[in-house]
PDB file of all heavy atoms in Angstrom:
ATOM      1  N   ARG A   1      25.907  -3.037  23.276  1.00  0.00           N
ATOM      2  CA  ARG A   1      25.460  -3.842  22.140  1.00  0.00           C
ATOM      3  C   ARG A   1      24.229  -3.213  21.496  1.00  0.00           C
ATOM      4  O   ARG A   1      23.395  -2.618  22.178  1.00  0.00           O
ATOM      5  CB  ARG A   1      25.138  -5.268  22.578  1.00  0.00           C
ATOM      6  CG  ARG A   1      26.386  -6.015  23.003  1.00  0.00           C
ATOM      7  CD  ARG A   1      26.105  -7.441  23.346  1.00  0.00           C
ATOM      8  NE  ARG A   1      25.164  -7.515  24.457  1.00  0.00           N
ATOM      9  CZ  ARG A   1      24.363  -8.542  24.677  1.00  0.00           C
ATOM     10  NH1 ARG A   1      24.363  -9.580  23.879  1.00  0.00           N
ATOM     11  NH2 ARG A   1      23.572  -8.544  25.707  1.00  0.00           N
ATOM     12  N   ILE A   2      24.124  -3.375  20.190  1.00  0.00           N
ATOM     13  CA  ILE A   2      22.941  -2.918  19.455  1.00  0.00           C
ATOM     14  C   ILE A   2      22.259  -4.123  18.800  1.00  0.00           C
ATOM     15  O   ILE A   2      22.912  -5.131  18.494  1.00  0.00           O
ATOM     16  CB  ILE A   2      23.287  -1.853  18.388  1.00  0.00           C
ATOM     17  CG1 ILE A   2      24.253  -2.397  17.331  1.00  0.00           C
ATOM     18  CG2 ILE A   2      23.831  -0.595  19.046  1.00  0.00           C
ATOM     19  CD1 ILE A   2      24.485  -1.458  16.148  1.00  0.00           C
ATOM     20  N   ALA A   3      20.962  -4.003  18.629  1.00  0.00           N
ATOM     21  CA  ALA A   3      20.206  -5.054  17.944  1.00  0.00           C
ATOM     22  C   ALA A   3      20.575  -5.067  16.464  1.00  0.00           C
ATOM     23  O   ALA A   3      20.904  -4.032  15.887  1.00  0.00           O
ATOM     24  CB  ALA A   3      18.705  -4.807  18.108  1.00  0.00           C
ATOM     25  N   HIS A   4      20.512  -6.232  15.870  1.00  0.00           N
ATOM     26  CA  HIS A   4      20.711  -6.363  14.433  1.00  0.00           C
ATOM     27  C   HIS A   4      19.676  -5.487  13.723  1.00  0.00           C
ATOM     28  O   HIS A   4      18.496  -5.495  14.098  1.00  0.00           O
ATOM     29  CB  HIS A   4      20.476  -7.810  13.977  1.00  0.00           C
ATOM     30  CG  HIS A   4      21.342  -8.832  14.620  1.00  0.00           C
ATOM     31  ND1 HIS A   4      21.161  -9.255  15.918  1.00  0.00           N
ATOM     32  CD2 HIS A   4      22.383  -9.537  14.119  1.00  0.00           C
ATOM     33  CE1 HIS A   4      22.061 -10.177  16.203  1.00  0.00           C
ATOM     34  NE2 HIS A   4      22.818 -10.370  15.135  1.00  0.00           N
ATOM     35  N   GLY A   5      20.105  -4.773  12.695  1.00  0.00           N
ATOM     36  CA  GLY A   5      19.159  -3.964  11.924  1.00  0.00           C
ATOM     37  C   GLY A   5      18.048  -4.813  11.335  1.00  0.00           C
ATOM     38  O   GLY A   5      16.874  -4.409  11.308  1.00  0.00           O
ATOM     39  N   MET A   6      18.403  -6.004  10.894  1.00  0.00           N
ATOM     40  CA  MET A   6      17.391  -6.862  10.280  1.00  0.00           C
ATOM     41  C   MET A   6      16.457  -7.474  11.325  1.00  0.00           C
ATOM     42  O   MET A   6      15.330  -7.850  10.987  1.00  0.00           O
ATOM     43  CB  MET A   6      18.044  -7.942   9.415  1.00  0.00           C
ATOM     44  CG  MET A   6      18.821  -7.358   8.228  1.00  0.00           C
ATOM     45  SD  MET A   6      17.900  -6.145   7.235  1.00  0.00           S
ATOM     46  CE  MET A   6      16.845  -7.241   6.322  1.00  0.00           C
ATOM     47  N   LEU A   7      16.877  -7.536  12.579  1.00  0.00           N
ATOM     48  CA  LEU A   7      15.962  -7.953  13.647  1.00  0.00           C
ATOM     49  C   LEU A   7      14.876  -6.900  13.791  1.00  0.00           C
ATOM     50  O   LEU A   7      13.679  -7.230  13.858  1.00  0.00           O
ATOM     51  CB  LEU A   7      16.719  -8.148  14.964  1.00  0.00           C
ATOM     52  CG  LEU A   7      15.868  -8.378  16.215  1.00  0.00           C
ATOM     53  CD1 LEU A   7      14.967  -9.604  16.071  1.00  0.00           C
ATOM     54  CD2 LEU A   7      16.749  -8.514  17.442  1.00  0.00           C
ATOM     55  N   THR A   8      15.263  -5.640  13.809  1.00  0.00           N
ATOM     56  CA  THR A   8      14.280  -4.556  13.864  1.00  0.00           C
ATOM     57  C   THR A   8      13.370  -4.621  12.643  1.00  0.00           C
ATOM     58  O   THR A   8      12.144  -4.523  12.760  1.00  0.00           O
ATOM     59  CB  THR A   8      14.996  -3.191  13.937  1.00  0.00           C
ATOM     60  OG1 THR A   8      15.851  -3.170  15.089  1.00  0.00           O
ATOM     61  CG2 THR A   8      13.996  -2.055  14.029  1.00  0.00           C
ATOM     62  N   THR A   9      13.967  -4.821  11.470  1.00  0.00           N
ATOM     63  CA  THR A   9      13.191  -4.912  10.239  1.00  0.00           C
ATOM     64  C   THR A   9      12.188  -6.063  10.291  1.00  0.00           C
ATOM     65  O   THR A   9      11.091  -5.969   9.735  1.00  0.00           O
ATOM     66  CB  THR A   9      14.134  -5.107   9.030  1.00  0.00           C
ATOM     67  OG1 THR A   9      15.058  -4.025   9.004  1.00  0.00           O
ATOM     68  CG2 THR A   9      13.368  -5.152   7.725  1.00  0.00           C
ATOM     69  N   SER A  10      12.542  -7.141  10.978  1.00  0.00           N
ATOM     70  CA  SER A  10      11.649  -8.293  11.037  1.00  0.00           C
ATOM     71  C   SER A  10      10.318  -7.963  11.713  1.00  0.00           C
ATOM     72  O   SER A  10       9.315  -8.632  11.464  1.00  0.00           O
ATOM     73  CB  SER A  10      12.330  -9.481  11.717  1.00  0.00           C
ATOM     74  OG  SER A  10      12.453  -9.271  13.112  1.00  0.00           O
ATOM     75  N   LEU A  11      10.282  -6.915  12.532  1.00  0.00           N
ATOM     76  CA  LEU A  11       9.010  -6.492  13.118  1.00  0.00           C
ATOM     77  C   LEU A  11       8.059  -6.005  12.036  1.00  0.00           C
ATOM     78  O   LEU A  11       6.837  -6.170  12.145  1.00  0.00           O
ATOM     79  CB  LEU A  11       9.228  -5.409  14.171  1.00  0.00           C
ATOM     80  CG  LEU A  11      10.085  -5.808  15.370  1.00  0.00           C
ATOM     81  CD1 LEU A  11      10.235  -4.636  16.325  1.00  0.00           C
ATOM     82  CD2 LEU A  11       9.520  -7.027  16.072  1.00  0.00           C
ATOM     83  N   LEU A  12       8.615  -5.415  10.962  1.00  0.00           N
ATOM     84  CA  LEU A  12       7.777  -5.017   9.829  1.00  0.00           C
ATOM     85  C   LEU A  12       7.172  -6.250   9.161  1.00  0.00           C
ATOM     86  O   LEU A  12       6.014  -6.228   8.752  1.00  0.00           O
ATOM     87  CB  LEU A  12       8.586  -4.215   8.804  1.00  0.00           C
ATOM     88  CG  LEU A  12       9.046  -2.831   9.240  1.00  0.00           C
ATOM     89  CD1 LEU A  12       9.973  -2.225   8.195  1.00  0.00           C
ATOM     90  CD2 LEU A  12       7.865  -1.913   9.516  1.00  0.00           C
ATOM     91  N   SER A  13       7.945  -7.315   9.070  1.00  0.00           N
ATOM     92  CA  SER A  13       7.437  -8.552   8.485  1.00  0.00           C
ATOM     93  C   SER A  13       6.242  -9.069   9.281  1.00  0.00           C
ATOM     94  O   SER A  13       5.224  -9.474   8.711  1.00  0.00           O
ATOM     95  CB  SER A  13       8.552  -9.605   8.439  1.00  0.00           C
ATOM     96  OG  SER A  13       8.086 -10.805   7.867  1.00  0.00           O
ATOM     97  N   GLY A  14       6.351  -9.049  10.600  1.00  0.00           N
ATOM     98  CA  GLY A  14       5.237  -9.470  11.448  1.00  0.00           C
ATOM     99  C   GLY A  14       4.025  -8.581  11.278  1.00  0.00           C
ATOM    100  O   GLY A  14       2.886  -9.059  11.179  1.00  0.00           O
ATOM    101  N   LEU A  15       4.258  -7.281  11.217  1.00  0.00           N
ATOM    102  CA  LEU A  15       3.161  -6.321  11.050  1.00  0.00           C
ATOM    103  C   LEU A  15       2.452  -6.522   9.716  1.00  0.00           C
ATOM    104  O   LEU A  15       1.227  -6.640   9.660  1.00  0.00           O
ATOM    105  CB  LEU A  15       3.717  -4.889  11.142  1.00  0.00           C
ATOM    106  CG  LEU A  15       2.747  -3.765  10.800  1.00  0.00           C
ATOM    107  CD1 LEU A  15       1.577  -3.737  11.771  1.00  0.00           C
ATOM    108  CD2 LEU A  15       3.478  -2.426  10.776  1.00  0.00           C
ATOM    109  N   LEU A  16       3.230  -6.587   8.648  1.00  0.00           N
ATOM    110  CA  LEU A  16       2.644  -6.685   7.308  1.00  0.00           C
ATOM    111  C   LEU A  16       2.033  -8.056   7.044  1.00  0.00           C
ATOM    112  O   LEU A  16       0.993  -8.156   6.393  1.00  0.00           O
ATOM    113  CB  LEU A  16       3.697  -6.346   6.255  1.00  0.00           C
ATOM    114  CG  LEU A  16       4.280  -4.921   6.373  1.00  0.00           C
ATOM    115  CD1 LEU A  16       5.433  -4.744   5.407  1.00  0.00           C
ATOM    116  CD2 LEU A  16       3.222  -3.856   6.165  1.00  0.00           C
ATOM    117  N   GLY A  17       2.645  -9.094   7.558  1.00  0.00           N
ATOM    118  CA  GLY A  17       2.142 -10.444   7.324  1.00  0.00           C
ATOM    119  C   GLY A  17       0.931 -10.815   8.161  1.00  0.00           C
ATOM    120  O   GLY A  17       0.150 -11.678   7.766  1.00  0.00           O
ATOM    121  N   MET A  18       0.779 -10.160   9.305  1.00  0.00           N
ATOM    122  CA  MET A  18      -0.309 -10.533  10.208  1.00  0.00           C
ATOM    123  C   MET A  18      -1.389  -9.470  10.384  1.00  0.00           C
ATOM    124  O   MET A  18      -2.504  -9.784  10.771  1.00  0.00           O
ATOM    125  CB  MET A  18       0.265 -10.882  11.588  1.00  0.00           C
ATOM    126  CG  MET A  18       1.202 -12.085  11.572  1.00  0.00           C
ATOM    127  SD  MET A  18       0.457 -13.592  10.900  1.00  0.00           S
ATOM    128  CE  MET A  18      -0.806 -13.913  12.119  1.00  0.00           C
ATOM    129  N   HIS A  19      -1.075  -8.196  10.124  1.00  0.00           N
ATOM    130  CA  HIS A  19      -2.023  -7.126  10.433  1.00  0.00           C
ATOM    131  C   HIS A  19      -2.457  -6.301   9.219  1.00  0.00           C
ATOM    132  O   HIS A  19      -3.648  -6.143   8.982  1.00  0.00           O
ATOM    133  CB  HIS A  19      -1.440  -6.210  11.513  1.00  0.00           C
ATOM    134  CG  HIS A  19      -1.099  -6.946  12.774  1.00  0.00           C
ATOM    135  ND1 HIS A  19      -2.037  -7.354  13.684  1.00  0.00           N
ATOM    136  CD2 HIS A  19       0.095  -7.376  13.259  1.00  0.00           C
ATOM    137  CE1 HIS A  19      -1.453  -7.991  14.684  1.00  0.00           C
ATOM    138  NE2 HIS A  19      -0.153  -8.030  14.446  1.00  0.00           N
ATOM    139  N   LEU A  20      -1.518  -5.723   8.475  1.00  0.00           N
ATOM    140  CA  LEU A  20      -1.851  -4.890   7.317  1.00  0.00           C
ATOM    141  C   LEU A  20      -0.768  -5.027   6.272  1.00  0.00           C
ATOM    142  O   LEU A  20       0.367  -4.628   6.544  1.00  0.00           O
ATOM    143  CB  LEU A  20      -1.991  -3.414   7.738  1.00  0.00           C
ATOM    144  CG  LEU A  20      -2.290  -2.422   6.616  1.00  0.00           C
ATOM    145  CD1 LEU A  20      -3.679  -2.674   6.039  1.00  0.00           C
ATOM    146  CD2 LEU A  20      -2.195  -0.984   7.126  1.00  0.00           C
ATOM    147  N   PRO A  21      -1.018  -5.618   5.127  1.00  0.00           N
ATOM    148  CA  PRO A  21      -2.315  -6.116   4.666  1.00  0.00           C
ATOM    149  C   PRO A  21      -2.776  -7.392   5.346  1.00  0.00           C
ATOM    150  O   PRO A  21      -3.945  -7.720   5.347  1.00  0.00           O
ATOM    151  CB  PRO A  21      -2.133  -6.315   3.176  1.00  0.00           C
ATOM    152  CG  PRO A  21      -0.672  -6.334   2.932  1.00  0.00           C
ATOM    153  CD  PRO A  21      -0.011  -5.651   4.074  1.00  0.00           C
ATOM    154  N   GLY A  22      -1.855  -8.154   5.963  1.00  0.00           N
ATOM    155  CA  GLY A  22      -2.269  -9.293   6.768  1.00  0.00           C
ATOM    156  C   GLY A  22      -2.067 -10.644   6.124  1.00  0.00           C
ATOM    157  O   GLY A  22      -1.325 -10.799   5.147  1.00  0.00           O
ATOM    158  N   LYS A  23      -2.742 -11.621   6.697  1.00  0.00           N
ATOM    159  CA  LYS A  23      -2.571 -13.026   6.316  1.00  0.00           C
ATOM    160  C   LYS A  23      -2.759 -13.232   4.818  1.00  0.00           C
ATOM    161  O   LYS A  23      -3.694 -12.716   4.232  1.00  0.00           O
ATOM    162  CB  LYS A  23      -3.543 -13.903   7.098  1.00  0.00           C
ATOM    163  CG  LYS A  23      -3.260 -13.903   8.577  1.00  0.00           C
ATOM    164  CD  LYS A  23      -4.290 -14.689   9.355  1.00  0.00           C
ATOM    165  CE  LYS A  23      -4.013 -14.592  10.843  1.00  0.00           C
ATOM    166  NZ  LYS A  23      -5.050 -15.208  11.648  1.00  0.00           N
ATOM    167  N   GLY A  24      -1.850 -14.023   4.258  1.00  0.00           N
ATOM    168  CA  GLY A  24      -1.897 -14.339   2.833  1.00  0.00           C
ATOM    169  C   GLY A  24      -1.149 -13.348   1.957  1.00  0.00           C
ATOM    170  O   GLY A  24      -0.911 -13.615   0.794  1.00  0.00           O
ATOM    171  N   SER A  25      -0.741 -12.206   2.521  1.00  0.00           N
ATOM    172  CA  SER A  25       0.008 -11.229   1.732  1.00  0.00           C
ATOM    173  C   SER A  25       1.464 -11.681   1.615  1.00  0.00           C
ATOM    174  O   SER A  25       1.949 -12.458   2.433  1.00  0.00           O
ATOM    175  CB  SER A  25      -0.079  -9.840   2.364  1.00  0.00           C
ATOM    176  OG  SER A  25       0.478  -9.830   3.658  1.00  0.00           O
ATOM    177  N   VAL A  26       2.127 -11.211   0.565  1.00  0.00           N
ATOM    178  CA  VAL A  26       3.500 -11.620   0.278  1.00  0.00           C
ATOM    179  C   VAL A  26       4.335 -10.373  -0.014  1.00  0.00           C
ATOM    180  O   VAL A  26       3.920  -9.506  -0.781  1.00  0.00           O
ATOM    181  CB  VAL A  26       3.541 -12.573  -0.942  1.00  0.00           C
ATOM    182  CG1 VAL A  26       4.970 -12.941  -1.303  1.00  0.00           C
ATOM    183  CG2 VAL A  26       2.710 -13.815  -0.681  1.00  0.00           C
ATOM    184  N   TYR A  27       5.517 -10.313   0.602  1.00  0.00           N
ATOM    185  CA  TYR A  27       6.458  -9.221   0.340  1.00  0.00           C
ATOM    186  C   TYR A  27       6.936  -9.265  -1.105  1.00  0.00           C
ATOM    187  O   TYR A  27       7.356 -10.308  -1.596  1.00  0.00           O
ATOM    188  CB  TYR A  27       7.705  -9.409   1.218  1.00  0.00           C
ATOM    189  CG  TYR A  27       7.896  -8.408   2.317  1.00  0.00           C
ATOM    190  CD1 TYR A  27       8.003  -8.830   3.631  1.00  0.00           C
ATOM    191  CD2 TYR A  27       8.021  -7.053   2.058  1.00  0.00           C
ATOM    192  CE1 TYR A  27       8.222  -7.937   4.667  1.00  0.00           C
ATOM    193  CE2 TYR A  27       8.231  -6.144   3.079  1.00  0.00           C
ATOM    194  CZ  TYR A  27       8.335  -6.585   4.373  1.00  0.00           C
ATOM    195  OH  TYR A  27       8.552  -5.693   5.397  1.00  0.00           O
ATOM    196  N   LEU A  28       6.915  -8.127  -1.781  1.00  0.00           N
ATOM    197  CA  LEU A  28       7.541  -7.993  -3.097  1.00  0.00           C
ATOM    198  C   LEU A  28       8.811  -7.153  -3.007  1.00  0.00           C
ATOM    199  O   LEU A  28       9.706  -7.294  -3.824  1.00  0.00           O
ATOM    200  CB  LEU A  28       6.575  -7.350  -4.098  1.00  0.00           C
ATOM    201  CG  LEU A  28       5.321  -8.157  -4.432  1.00  0.00           C
ATOM    202  CD1 LEU A  28       4.432  -7.366  -5.383  1.00  0.00           C
ATOM    203  CD2 LEU A  28       5.687  -9.507  -5.023  1.00  0.00           C
ATOM    204  N   GLY A  29       8.866  -6.279  -1.992  1.00  0.00           N
ATOM    205  CA  GLY A  29      10.048  -5.439  -1.826  1.00  0.00           C
ATOM    206  C   GLY A  29       9.958  -4.592  -0.582  1.00  0.00           C
ATOM    207  O   GLY A  29       8.874  -4.392  -0.026  1.00  0.00           O
ATOM    208  N   GLN A  30      11.124  -4.098  -0.145  1.00  0.00           N
ATOM    209  CA  GLN A  30      11.179  -3.242   1.039  1.00  0.00           C
ATOM    210  C   GLN A  30      12.419  -2.367   0.933  1.00  0.00           C
ATOM    211  O   GLN A  30      13.518  -2.888   0.758  1.00  0.00           O
ATOM    212  CB  GLN A  30      11.258  -4.086   2.316  1.00  0.00           C
ATOM    213  CG  GLN A  30      11.471  -3.303   3.599  1.00  0.00           C
ATOM    214  CD  GLN A  30      10.230  -2.604   4.100  1.00  0.00           C
ATOM    215  OE1 GLN A  30       9.207  -3.239   4.293  1.00  0.00           O
ATOM    216  NE2 GLN A  30      10.313  -1.303   4.312  1.00  0.00           N
ATOM    217  N   THR A  31      12.238  -1.060   1.010  1.00  0.00           N
ATOM    218  CA  THR A  31      13.390  -0.172   1.134  1.00  0.00           C
ATOM    219  C   THR A  31      13.588   0.107   2.617  1.00  0.00           C
ATOM    220  O   THR A  31      12.627   0.092   3.395  1.00  0.00           O
ATOM    221  CB  THR A  31      13.204   1.155   0.377  1.00  0.00           C
ATOM    222  OG1 THR A  31      12.102   1.868   0.945  1.00  0.00           O
ATOM    223  CG2 THR A  31      12.964   0.906  -1.113  1.00  0.00           C
TER     224      THR A  31
END
């Protein structure tokens, strides 16, 4: 079995939302 690609991608959401740029930042796009 392999992990969902979007599960892996969700780690980026945690990184960007909590660390850099961090709290209060909002995704506009992701390639």
